[in-house]
Amino acid sequence: MKQEIERRQPKGLLDYLSLAVTTFGVGYLPLAPGTWGSMVGISIYLGAALQNGFWLNEWSPHIDLPFVGALTKAIFAVLLAALCLVGIWASDRAISLLGNSDPPQAVIDEVMGQLVTFIFVPFGLSWPFILAGFLLFRLFDIWKPYPIDDLQVLDGGLGICADDLVAGVYAGICLAVIYAVSLSI
């Protein structure tokens, strides 16, 4: 599916911004840049979970705890939606800069997909659940069961990102099932 495109040099702030957002600084690392991108997603999730813990410790005497968790999750979902829109734009612009219709340096799609995985479960999961979410997302991102593989034919940044977003949904559903089963045991 990947096709070479005539590569052009960055010109202006928007080109450099799109490269920064698309590669997240780890897209050029050797050996599996998608895995590095997923690790950036995990780091963002952990930062959000730690922030949620800060809010709980800081405000727990004054605010109903479920409200704080729900508010944090809602803010996280809105920021994730914004990241997805910016990521699709940046990926579309970076295609000509990186010279490929699905450049391996573009890892914003893995960041977004990994974050989508964790939107299905509460913040503050234990390390085994975080590892399970990471592995499930990587599994679906590599395996690409229907319709994930078919989404890569979409044009531009949407084609780069859509397959990873759906892989994140599949991984998130599996993680939510695992979490629900663990609660019932």
N, C-alpha and C. Protein backbone atom coordinates (compact mmCIF):
# COMPACT_ATOMS: atom_id res chain seq x y z
N MET A 1 0.81 -1.19 0.00
CA MET A 1 0.00 0.00 0.00
C MET A 1 0.85 1.26 0.00
N LYS A 2 2.02 1.20 0.63
CA LYS A 2 2.86 2.39 0.70
C LYS A 2 3.38 2.71 -0.68
N GLN A 3 3.30 3.97 -1.03
CA GLN A 3 3.86 4.38 -2.30
C GLN A 3 4.76 5.57 -2.08
N GLU A 4 5.85 5.57 -2.83
CA GLU A 4 6.81 6.67 -2.74
C GLU A 4 6.20 7.92 -3.37
N ILE A 5 6.46 9.03 -2.75
CA ILE A 5 5.97 10.32 -3.21
C ILE A 5 7.19 11.23 -3.32
N GLU A 6 7.16 12.14 -4.25
CA GLU A 6 8.29 13.06 -4.36
C GLU A 6 8.41 13.85 -3.06
N ARG A 7 9.56 13.74 -2.48
CA ARG A 7 9.81 14.37 -1.19
C ARG A 7 10.16 15.84 -1.38
N ARG A 8 9.65 16.68 -0.50
CA ARG A 8 9.98 18.11 -0.57
C ARG A 8 10.56 18.56 0.77
N GLN A 9 11.28 19.62 0.73
CA GLN A 9 11.89 20.19 1.93
C GLN A 9 10.85 20.99 2.71
N PRO A 10 10.93 20.99 4.04
CA PRO A 10 10.01 21.80 4.83
C PRO A 10 10.18 23.29 4.52
N LYS A 11 9.05 23.96 4.42
CA LYS A 11 9.06 25.40 4.17
C LYS A 11 8.08 26.05 5.14
N GLY A 12 8.59 26.70 6.11
CA GLY A 12 7.73 27.44 7.01
C GLY A 12 7.38 26.70 8.29
N LEU A 13 6.78 27.43 9.17
CA LEU A 13 6.43 26.94 10.50
C LEU A 13 5.44 25.77 10.46
N LEU A 14 4.44 25.83 9.59
CA LEU A 14 3.44 24.76 9.54
C LEU A 14 4.05 23.42 9.15
N ASP A 15 5.03 23.43 8.24
CA ASP A 15 5.69 22.18 7.86
C ASP A 15 6.47 21.60 9.03
N TYR A 16 7.20 22.45 9.73
CA TYR A 16 7.97 21.97 10.88
C TYR A 16 7.05 21.51 12.01
N LEU A 17 5.96 22.20 12.21
CA LEU A 17 4.98 21.80 13.22
C LEU A 17 4.37 20.45 12.85
N SER A 18 4.03 20.26 11.59
CA SER A 18 3.43 18.98 11.19
C SER A 18 4.43 17.84 11.35
N LEU A 19 5.70 18.07 11.06
CA LEU A 19 6.71 17.03 11.28
C LEU A 19 6.87 16.70 12.76
N ALA A 20 6.85 17.72 13.59
CA ALA A 20 6.99 17.50 15.04
C ALA A 20 5.81 16.70 15.57
N VAL A 21 4.60 17.07 15.17
CA VAL A 21 3.41 16.36 15.65
C VAL A 21 3.37 14.93 15.08
N THR A 22 3.72 14.78 13.82
CA THR A 22 3.64 13.48 13.17
C THR A 22 4.64 12.49 13.73
N THR A 23 5.86 12.94 14.02
CA THR A 23 6.91 12.02 14.47
C THR A 23 7.04 11.96 15.99
N PHE A 24 6.48 12.92 16.69
CA PHE A 24 6.54 12.98 18.16
C PHE A 24 7.96 12.83 18.70
N GLY A 25 8.94 13.10 17.85
CA GLY A 25 10.34 13.03 18.28
C GLY A 25 10.90 11.63 18.32
N VAL A 26 10.08 10.61 18.17
CA VAL A 26 10.58 9.22 18.24
C VAL A 26 10.44 8.49 16.91
N GLY A 27 9.85 9.11 15.93
CA GLY A 27 9.62 8.46 14.64
C GLY A 27 10.89 8.11 13.89
N TYR A 28 12.00 8.72 14.26
CA TYR A 28 13.26 8.45 13.58
C TYR A 28 14.13 7.45 14.35
N LEU A 29 13.67 7.00 15.50
CA LEU A 29 14.45 6.02 16.26
C LEU A 29 14.47 4.69 15.51
N PRO A 30 15.59 3.96 15.61
CA PRO A 30 15.68 2.69 14.87
C PRO A 30 14.82 1.61 15.52
N LEU A 31 14.56 0.58 14.75
CA LEU A 31 13.84 -0.60 15.24
C LEU A 31 12.43 -0.28 15.73
N ALA A 32 11.49 -0.48 14.90
CA ALA A 32 10.07 -0.40 15.25
C ALA A 32 9.64 0.97 15.75
N PRO A 33 9.62 1.99 14.89
CA PRO A 33 9.19 3.31 15.34
C PRO A 33 7.74 3.31 15.85
N GLY A 34 6.90 2.41 15.34
CA GLY A 34 5.52 2.33 15.83
C GLY A 34 5.45 1.95 17.29
N THR A 35 6.34 1.08 17.72
CA THR A 35 6.39 0.69 19.13
C THR A 35 6.82 1.88 19.99
N TRP A 36 7.78 2.66 19.49
CA TRP A 36 8.18 3.88 20.22
C TRP A 36 7.01 4.84 20.31
N GLY A 37 6.24 4.97 19.23
CA GLY A 37 5.07 5.83 19.25
C GLY A 37 4.04 5.36 20.27
N SER A 38 3.85 4.04 20.36
CA SER A 38 2.93 3.50 21.36
C SER A 38 3.41 3.81 22.77
N MET A 39 4.72 3.80 22.97
CA MET A 39 5.27 4.13 24.29
C MET A 39 5.02 5.60 24.64
N VAL A 40 5.04 6.48 23.63
CA VAL A 40 4.67 7.87 23.87
C VAL A 40 3.22 7.94 24.33
N GLY A 41 2.35 7.16 23.67
CA GLY A 41 0.94 7.11 24.08
C GLY A 41 0.79 6.63 25.52
N ILE A 42 1.53 5.61 25.90
CA ILE A 42 1.51 5.11 27.28
C ILE A 42 1.96 6.21 28.24
N SER A 43 3.00 6.95 27.87
CA SER A 43 3.50 8.03 28.73
C SER A 43 2.44 9.11 28.92
N ILE A 44 1.74 9.46 27.86
CA ILE A 44 0.67 10.46 27.97
C ILE A 44 -0.44 9.94 28.87
N TYR A 45 -0.81 8.66 28.70
CA TYR A 45 -1.84 8.07 29.55
C TYR A 45 -1.41 8.10 31.02
N LEU A 46 -0.17 7.71 31.28
CA LEU A 46 0.31 7.71 32.67
C LEU A 46 0.32 9.12 33.25
N GLY A 47 0.69 10.11 32.43
CA GLY A 47 0.64 11.50 32.88
C GLY A 47 -0.77 11.92 33.24
N ALA A 48 -1.74 11.53 32.41
CA ALA A 48 -3.14 11.85 32.70
C ALA A 48 -3.61 11.12 33.95
N ALA A 49 -3.20 9.88 34.12
CA ALA A 49 -3.60 9.11 35.30
C ALA A 49 -2.99 9.70 36.56
N LEU A 50 -1.73 10.15 36.47
CA LEU A 50 -1.10 10.79 37.63
C LEU A 50 -1.79 12.11 37.96
N GLN A 51 -2.18 12.85 36.92
CA GLN A 51 -2.91 14.09 37.14
C GLN A 51 -4.24 13.80 37.84
N ASN A 52 -4.89 12.74 37.43
CA ASN A 52 -6.14 12.34 38.06
C ASN A 52 -5.90 12.02 39.54
N GLY A 53 -4.81 11.33 39.83
CA GLY A 53 -4.46 11.03 41.22
C GLY A 53 -4.18 12.29 42.02
N PHE A 54 -3.53 13.28 41.37
CA PHE A 54 -3.28 14.55 42.03
C PHE A 54 -4.60 15.22 42.39
N TRP A 55 -5.53 15.23 41.44
CA TRP A 55 -6.82 15.85 41.71
C TRP A 55 -7.52 15.15 42.86
N LEU A 56 -7.44 13.83 42.90
CA LEU A 56 -8.11 13.10 43.97
C LEU A 56 -7.52 13.47 45.32
N ASN A 57 -6.20 13.53 45.41
CA ASN A 57 -5.57 13.87 46.68
C ASN A 57 -5.82 15.31 47.08
N GLU A 58 -5.82 16.20 46.09
CA GLU A 58 -5.95 17.63 46.36
C GLU A 58 -7.39 18.01 46.73
N TRP A 59 -8.39 17.42 46.05
CA TRP A 59 -9.75 17.89 46.17
C TRP A 59 -10.71 16.91 46.85
N SER A 60 -10.25 15.76 47.24
CA SER A 60 -11.16 14.74 47.76
C SER A 60 -12.02 15.19 48.94
N PRO A 61 -11.57 16.08 49.83
CA PRO A 61 -12.48 16.48 50.90
C PRO A 61 -13.64 17.35 50.42
N HIS A 62 -13.51 17.98 49.23
CA HIS A 62 -14.48 18.96 48.78
C HIS A 62 -15.37 18.51 47.64
N ILE A 63 -14.93 17.51 46.89
CA ILE A 63 -15.66 17.12 45.68
C ILE A 63 -15.93 15.62 45.73
N ASP A 64 -17.11 15.25 45.27
CA ASP A 64 -17.46 13.84 45.15
C ASP A 64 -16.46 13.15 44.22
N LEU A 65 -15.79 12.10 44.69
CA LEU A 65 -14.73 11.44 43.93
C LEU A 65 -15.15 10.94 42.56
N PRO A 66 -16.32 10.32 42.38
CA PRO A 66 -16.68 9.89 41.02
C PRO A 66 -16.77 11.07 40.05
N PHE A 67 -17.20 12.22 40.53
CA PHE A 67 -17.27 13.41 39.67
C PHE A 67 -15.88 13.77 39.15
N VAL A 68 -14.87 13.74 40.01
CA VAL A 68 -13.51 14.10 39.60
C VAL A 68 -13.01 13.12 38.56
N GLY A 69 -13.20 11.84 38.77
CA GLY A 69 -12.76 10.84 37.80
C GLY A 69 -13.48 11.00 36.47
N ALA A 70 -14.78 11.25 36.52
CA ALA A 70 -15.55 11.43 35.29
C ALA A 70 -15.14 12.70 34.57
N LEU A 71 -14.89 13.76 35.32
CA LEU A 71 -14.46 15.02 34.71
C LEU A 71 -13.10 14.84 34.03
N THR A 72 -12.18 14.19 34.70
CA THR A 72 -10.87 13.96 34.11
C THR A 72 -10.98 13.11 32.85
N LYS A 73 -11.81 12.08 32.89
CA LYS A 73 -11.99 11.22 31.72
C LYS A 73 -12.62 12.01 30.56
N ALA A 74 -13.57 12.89 30.87
CA ALA A 74 -14.20 13.71 29.83
C ALA A 74 -13.19 14.67 29.21
N ILE A 75 -12.37 15.29 30.04
CA ILE A 75 -11.33 16.19 29.52
C ILE A 75 -10.35 15.40 28.65
N PHE A 76 -9.97 14.23 29.11
CA PHE A 76 -9.06 13.36 28.36
C PHE A 76 -9.67 13.01 26.99
N ALA A 77 -10.95 12.70 26.95
CA ALA A 77 -11.62 12.34 25.69
C ALA A 77 -11.66 13.54 24.74
N VAL A 78 -11.93 14.72 25.25
CA VAL A 78 -11.96 15.92 24.40
C VAL A 78 -10.56 16.21 23.86
N LEU A 79 -9.54 16.12 24.71
CA LEU A 79 -8.17 16.35 24.26
C LEU A 79 -7.73 15.29 23.25
N LEU A 80 -8.17 14.05 23.46
CA LEU A 80 -7.86 12.98 22.50
C LEU A 80 -8.50 13.26 21.15
N ALA A 81 -9.75 13.72 21.14
CA ALA A 81 -10.41 14.06 19.88
C ALA A 81 -9.66 15.19 19.18
N ALA A 82 -9.22 16.18 19.94
CA ALA A 82 -8.45 17.28 19.35
C ALA A 82 -7.12 16.77 18.80
N LEU A 83 -6.46 15.89 19.55
CA LEU A 83 -5.20 15.30 19.08
C LEU A 83 -5.42 14.53 17.78
N CYS A 84 -6.53 13.82 17.69
CA CYS A 84 -6.82 13.06 16.46
C CYS A 84 -6.98 14.00 15.26
N LEU A 85 -7.69 15.08 15.45
CA LEU A 85 -7.88 16.03 14.34
C LEU A 85 -6.55 16.66 13.93
N VAL A 86 -5.76 17.09 14.90
CA VAL A 86 -4.46 17.68 14.61
C VAL A 86 -3.54 16.62 14.00
N GLY A 87 -3.59 15.39 14.51
CA GLY A 87 -2.75 14.32 13.99
C GLY A 87 -3.06 13.96 12.55
N ILE A 88 -4.33 13.94 12.20
CA ILE A 88 -4.71 13.65 10.81
C ILE A 88 -4.22 14.78 9.90
N TRP A 89 -4.40 16.03 10.34
CA TRP A 89 -3.90 17.17 9.56
C TRP A 89 -2.39 17.08 9.38
N ALA A 90 -1.66 16.85 10.48
CA ALA A 90 -0.20 16.80 10.43
C ALA A 90 0.29 15.65 9.57
N SER A 91 -0.37 14.50 9.67
CA SER A 91 0.01 13.34 8.86
C SER A 91 -0.19 13.63 7.38
N ASP A 92 -1.29 14.28 7.06
CA ASP A 92 -1.56 14.62 5.66
C ASP A 92 -0.48 15.55 5.11
N ARG A 93 -0.12 16.52 5.89
CA ARG A 93 0.90 17.48 5.45
C ARG A 93 2.28 16.83 5.39
N ALA A 94 2.55 15.88 6.27
CA ALA A 94 3.88 15.25 6.34
C ALA A 94 4.13 14.23 5.23
N ILE A 95 3.10 13.79 4.53
CA ILE A 95 3.29 12.80 3.47
C ILE A 95 4.31 13.29 2.46
N SER A 96 4.15 14.50 1.97
CA SER A 96 5.09 15.02 0.97
C SER A 96 6.44 15.36 1.60
N LEU A 97 6.46 15.67 2.87
CA LEU A 97 7.72 15.99 3.54
C LEU A 97 8.56 14.75 3.78
N LEU A 98 7.90 13.63 4.06
CA LEU A 98 8.61 12.39 4.35
C LEU A 98 8.73 11.47 3.13
N GLY A 99 8.02 11.80 2.05
CA GLY A 99 8.18 11.10 0.80
C GLY A 99 7.57 9.71 0.74
N ASN A 100 6.46 9.50 1.46
CA ASN A 100 5.83 8.19 1.46
C ASN A 100 4.36 8.38 1.84
N SER A 101 3.48 7.57 1.25
CA SER A 101 2.05 7.71 1.55
C SER A 101 1.70 7.22 2.96
N ASP A 102 2.55 6.39 3.55
CA ASP A 102 2.40 5.97 4.95
C ASP A 102 3.80 5.86 5.55
N PRO A 103 4.42 7.00 5.83
CA PRO A 103 5.82 6.99 6.26
C PRO A 103 6.01 6.30 7.61
N PRO A 104 7.05 5.49 7.72
CA PRO A 104 7.30 4.83 9.01
C PRO A 104 7.66 5.81 10.12
N GLN A 105 8.16 6.99 9.76
CA GLN A 105 8.49 7.99 10.78
C GLN A 105 7.24 8.59 11.42
N ALA A 106 6.11 8.48 10.75
CA ALA A 106 4.86 9.03 11.28
C ALA A 106 4.32 8.09 12.35
N VAL A 107 4.42 8.52 13.60
CA VAL A 107 3.98 7.67 14.71
C VAL A 107 2.80 8.29 15.47
N ILE A 108 2.31 9.42 15.01
CA ILE A 108 1.16 10.03 15.68
C ILE A 108 -0.02 9.08 15.68
N ASP A 109 -0.14 8.26 14.64
CA ASP A 109 -1.23 7.30 14.58
C ASP A 109 -1.13 6.26 15.69
N GLU A 110 0.08 5.83 16.01
CA GLU A 110 0.25 4.89 17.12
C GLU A 110 -0.04 5.56 18.47
N VAL A 111 0.37 6.81 18.60
CA VAL A 111 0.08 7.55 19.84
C VAL A 111 -1.43 7.62 20.04
N MET A 112 -2.14 8.02 18.98
CA MET A 112 -3.60 8.15 19.07
C MET A 112 -4.26 6.80 19.34
N GLY A 113 -3.85 5.76 18.62
CA GLY A 113 -4.44 4.44 18.80
C GLY A 113 -4.22 3.90 20.20
N GLN A 114 -3.02 4.12 20.73
CA GLN A 114 -2.73 3.66 22.09
C GLN A 114 -3.59 4.38 23.10
N LEU A 115 -3.79 5.68 22.92
CA LEU A 115 -4.64 6.44 23.84
C LEU A 115 -6.10 6.02 23.73
N VAL A 116 -6.55 5.70 22.52
CA VAL A 116 -7.93 5.22 22.34
C VAL A 116 -8.12 3.92 23.12
N THR A 117 -7.12 3.08 23.16
CA THR A 117 -7.21 1.82 23.91
C THR A 117 -7.59 2.07 25.36
N PHE A 118 -7.02 3.09 25.97
CA PHE A 118 -7.24 3.32 27.40
C PHE A 118 -8.47 4.17 27.71
N ILE A 119 -9.14 4.67 26.70
CA ILE A 119 -10.35 5.45 26.95
C ILE A 119 -11.49 4.54 27.44
N PHE A 120 -11.35 3.23 27.24
CA PHE A 120 -12.38 2.26 27.58
C PHE A 120 -12.33 1.81 29.04
N VAL A 121 -11.29 2.19 29.77
CA VAL A 121 -11.11 1.71 31.15
C VAL A 121 -10.81 2.89 32.07
N PRO A 122 -11.00 2.72 33.39
CA PRO A 122 -10.73 3.83 34.31
C PRO A 122 -9.24 4.17 34.39
N PHE A 123 -8.96 5.41 34.77
CA PHE A 123 -7.57 5.81 35.01
C PHE A 123 -7.01 5.05 36.20
N GLY A 124 -5.70 4.95 36.22
CA GLY A 124 -5.03 4.39 37.37
C GLY A 124 -4.99 2.87 37.41
N LEU A 125 -5.07 2.26 36.25
CA LEU A 125 -4.96 0.81 36.21
C LEU A 125 -3.58 0.37 36.69
N SER A 126 -3.49 -0.85 37.15
CA SER A 126 -2.20 -1.38 37.58
C SER A 126 -1.33 -1.69 36.36
N TRP A 127 -0.05 -1.88 36.62
CA TRP A 127 0.90 -2.14 35.54
C TRP A 127 0.52 -3.33 34.66
N PRO A 128 0.00 -4.42 35.21
CA PRO A 128 -0.39 -5.52 34.32
C PRO A 128 -1.45 -5.10 33.29
N PHE A 129 -2.41 -4.25 33.68
CA PHE A 129 -3.42 -3.79 32.73
C PHE A 129 -2.83 -2.82 31.70
N ILE A 130 -1.91 -1.98 32.14
CA ILE A 130 -1.26 -1.06 31.21
C ILE A 130 -0.45 -1.85 30.19
N LEU A 131 0.28 -2.85 30.66
CA LEU A 131 1.04 -3.71 29.75
C LEU A 131 0.10 -4.46 28.80
N ALA A 132 -1.02 -4.96 29.33
CA ALA A 132 -1.99 -5.66 28.48
C ALA A 132 -2.55 -4.73 27.41
N GLY A 133 -2.86 -3.48 27.78
CA GLY A 133 -3.35 -2.51 26.80
C GLY A 133 -2.32 -2.22 25.72
N PHE A 134 -1.07 -2.09 26.13
CA PHE A 134 0.02 -1.86 25.17
C PHE A 134 0.13 -3.04 24.21
N LEU A 135 0.18 -4.25 24.75
CA LEU A 135 0.33 -5.44 23.91
C LEU A 135 -0.88 -5.68 23.01
N LEU A 136 -2.07 -5.46 23.54
CA LEU A 136 -3.28 -5.63 22.72
C LEU A 136 -3.28 -4.64 21.55
N PHE A 137 -2.93 -3.39 21.81
CA PHE A 137 -2.90 -2.43 20.72
C PHE A 137 -1.86 -2.82 19.68
N ARG A 138 -0.67 -3.18 20.12
CA ARG A 138 0.37 -3.57 19.16
C ARG A 138 -0.08 -4.80 18.35
N LEU A 139 -0.76 -5.75 19.01
CA LEU A 139 -1.26 -6.93 18.31
C LEU A 139 -2.22 -6.54 17.19
N PHE A 140 -3.22 -5.73 17.51
CA PHE A 140 -4.20 -5.34 16.50
C PHE A 140 -3.59 -4.42 15.44
N ASP A 141 -2.62 -3.60 15.82
CA ASP A 141 -1.96 -2.72 14.86
C ASP A 141 -1.14 -3.51 13.85
N ILE A 142 -0.52 -4.58 14.29
CA ILE A 142 0.30 -5.41 13.40
C ILE A 142 -0.56 -6.41 12.64
N TRP A 143 -1.49 -7.06 13.32
CA TRP A 143 -2.34 -8.10 12.72
C TRP A 143 -3.31 -7.50 11.69
N LYS A 144 -3.92 -6.38 12.02
CA LYS A 144 -4.86 -5.65 11.18
C LYS A 144 -6.05 -6.49 10.70
N PRO A 145 -6.84 -7.02 11.64
CA PRO A 145 -8.05 -7.75 11.22
C PRO A 145 -9.06 -6.79 10.59
N TYR A 146 -10.01 -7.36 9.88
CA TYR A 146 -11.01 -6.57 9.17
C TYR A 146 -11.72 -5.62 10.13
N PRO A 147 -11.95 -4.43 9.76
CA PRO A 147 -11.65 -3.69 8.53
C PRO A 147 -10.39 -2.85 8.63
N ILE A 148 -9.54 -3.12 9.61
CA ILE A 148 -8.38 -2.26 9.86
C ILE A 148 -7.50 -2.15 8.62
N ASP A 149 -7.17 -3.26 7.99
CA ASP A 149 -6.27 -3.23 6.84
C ASP A 149 -6.88 -2.43 5.69
N ASP A 150 -8.19 -2.54 5.50
CA ASP A 150 -8.85 -1.83 4.41
C ASP A 150 -8.84 -0.31 4.60
N LEU A 151 -8.71 0.15 5.82
CA LEU A 151 -8.74 1.59 6.09
C LEU A 151 -7.48 2.31 5.61
N GLN A 152 -6.41 1.56 5.40
CA GLN A 152 -5.16 2.17 4.98
C GLN A 152 -5.23 2.75 3.57
N VAL A 153 -6.24 2.36 2.79
CA VAL A 153 -6.35 2.86 1.42
C VAL A 153 -7.00 4.26 1.38
N LEU A 154 -7.50 4.74 2.49
CA LEU A 154 -8.05 6.09 2.53
C LEU A 154 -6.95 7.09 2.19
N ASP A 155 -7.33 8.20 1.65
CA ASP A 155 -6.35 9.19 1.22
C ASP A 155 -5.76 9.98 2.38
N GLY A 156 -4.51 10.36 2.20
CA GLY A 156 -3.84 11.31 3.07
C GLY A 156 -3.70 10.89 4.52
N GLY A 157 -3.79 11.89 5.39
CA GLY A 157 -3.61 11.66 6.82
C GLY A 157 -4.66 10.74 7.41
N LEU A 158 -5.86 10.76 6.85
CA LEU A 158 -6.91 9.86 7.34
C LEU A 158 -6.51 8.40 7.11
N GLY A 159 -5.89 8.11 5.97
CA GLY A 159 -5.43 6.75 5.69
C GLY A 159 -4.31 6.31 6.61
N ILE A 160 -3.48 7.26 7.02
CA ILE A 160 -2.40 6.94 7.96
C ILE A 160 -2.97 6.62 9.34
N CYS A 161 -3.98 7.38 9.76
CA CYS A 161 -4.45 7.31 11.14
C CYS A 161 -5.64 6.38 11.39
N ALA A 162 -6.51 6.21 10.41
CA ALA A 162 -7.77 5.48 10.65
C ALA A 162 -7.55 4.05 11.11
N ASP A 163 -6.60 3.35 10.51
CA ASP A 163 -6.37 1.95 10.89
C ASP A 163 -5.92 1.83 12.34
N ASP A 164 -5.09 2.76 12.80
CA ASP A 164 -4.63 2.70 14.19
C ASP A 164 -5.72 3.09 15.18
N LEU A 165 -6.59 4.00 14.78
CA LEU A 165 -7.71 4.35 15.65
C LEU A 165 -8.65 3.16 15.85
N VAL A 166 -8.92 2.42 14.78
CA VAL A 166 -9.79 1.23 14.90
C VAL A 166 -9.05 0.13 15.66
N ALA A 167 -7.75 -0.02 15.45
CA ALA A 167 -6.97 -0.99 16.24
C ALA A 167 -7.06 -0.64 17.72
N GLY A 168 -7.05 0.67 18.04
CA GLY A 168 -7.21 1.10 19.42
C GLY A 168 -8.57 0.76 19.98
N VAL A 169 -9.61 0.88 19.15
CA VAL A 169 -10.97 0.50 19.59
C VAL A 169 -11.02 -1.00 19.88
N TYR A 170 -10.49 -1.81 18.98
CA TYR A 170 -10.48 -3.27 19.21
C TYR A 170 -9.72 -3.62 20.49
N ALA A 171 -8.53 -3.01 20.66
CA ALA A 171 -7.73 -3.29 21.85
C ALA A 171 -8.45 -2.79 23.10
N GLY A 172 -9.11 -1.64 23.01
CA GLY A 172 -9.83 -1.09 24.16
C GLY A 172 -11.00 -1.96 24.58
N ILE A 173 -11.71 -2.51 23.61
CA ILE A 173 -12.82 -3.41 23.94
C ILE A 173 -12.29 -4.66 24.64
N CYS A 174 -11.21 -5.23 24.11
CA CYS A 174 -10.61 -6.41 24.76
C CYS A 174 -10.13 -6.08 26.17
N LEU A 175 -9.49 -4.91 26.33
CA LEU A 175 -9.00 -4.51 27.65
C LEU A 175 -10.15 -4.29 28.62
N ALA A 176 -11.24 -3.70 28.14
CA ALA A 176 -12.42 -3.49 29.00
C ALA A 176 -13.02 -4.82 29.44
N VAL A 177 -13.05 -5.80 28.55
CA VAL A 177 -13.55 -7.13 28.92
C VAL A 177 -12.65 -7.77 29.97
N ILE A 178 -11.34 -7.69 29.75
CA ILE A 178 -10.38 -8.24 30.72
C ILE A 178 -10.55 -7.55 32.07
N TYR A 179 -10.70 -6.24 32.06
CA TYR A 179 -10.89 -5.47 33.30
C TYR A 179 -12.17 -5.88 33.99
N ALA A 180 -13.27 -6.01 33.24
CA ALA A 180 -14.56 -6.40 33.83
C ALA A 180 -14.49 -7.80 34.43
N VAL A 181 -13.84 -8.72 33.74
CA VAL A 181 -13.69 -10.08 34.26
C VAL A 181 -12.85 -10.06 35.54
N SER A 182 -11.81 -9.24 35.57
CA SER A 182 -10.96 -9.18 36.76
C SER A 182 -11.73 -8.63 37.97
N LEU A 183 -12.68 -7.74 37.73
CA LEU A 183 -13.49 -7.22 38.83
C LEU A 183 -14.45 -8.27 39.39
N SER A 184 -14.86 -9.19 38.55
CA SER A 184 -15.82 -10.20 39.00
C SER A 184 -15.16 -11.40 39.66
N ILE A 185 -13.85 -11.45 39.59
CA ILE A 185 -13.13 -12.60 40.19
C ILE A 185 -12.85 -12.34 41.65
